[in-house]
Amino acid sequence: MKQFVFALALGATSLASAAASAAEQLSLNEISAYLNSFATAKADFTQVNDDGSLSTGTLYLRRPGKVRFEYADNAGLVLAEAGTVAIMDPKSNQPPETYPLSRTPLSIILARNVNLAQANMVVGHGFDGVSTVVRAQDPKAPEHGSIEMMFTDNPVQLRKWVIHGGSGEETTVILGEMQTGLSFPSSLFSISRPKRDR
């Protein structure tokens, strides 16, 4: 069950092939506008856990506040809805582990309105020659850790994030090509009905 916690961090695809000389650093307003431009998204992902192990699966997102990490080979589910995260391990007879969504830095990009320019949210903003990297935290609860996001431009796209948990753990999620503007049934994110059929 430990690996599933890392997806939201309690507490591989290539990047754009454009030459570095053609890329430019994105502003916080541009990144916020991009994140606010879609309400739904789907992408395959590869997750690098804190212990170095790898997990793969499919991510479904519906803002505000809903996300589903569906791990390959029926390895498990992580769901978020109505301010609650549930970690479901099919190998366990125990009920799902739950905790508030506000305890994970991923809540920042699941907000109804993403505003990275608000005071004390962004603690790092840089450019590596190809990608813009932004590190953000909940200014009201920095003890819950931070999320480091990597974006490419032309067009703007979220490619990767690293969750830095409040206890020092790190988890990386590398995204495949993201599809946006899709329609998902509410049941896809239902903690009480976590079926895999879509």
Foldseek 3Di string as FASTA:
>chain_A
DVQQCQVLFQLEDDDDPDFLVPFDFDDLVLVQCVLLVFQKKKWKKWKQWLVRDIWIAMWIGGAQWWIWGQTPPNQWIWITDPQKIWTGGPVDPDQTDMDGSLLGQVNQSNYNGHRCPPPQFWPDWDDPSFWIWTKGGDNVCCLSFIKIWIWGPPPTDTAKIWTQRSVGGIMIMGTDDMDGPDDDDPLCRDSVRPDPDD
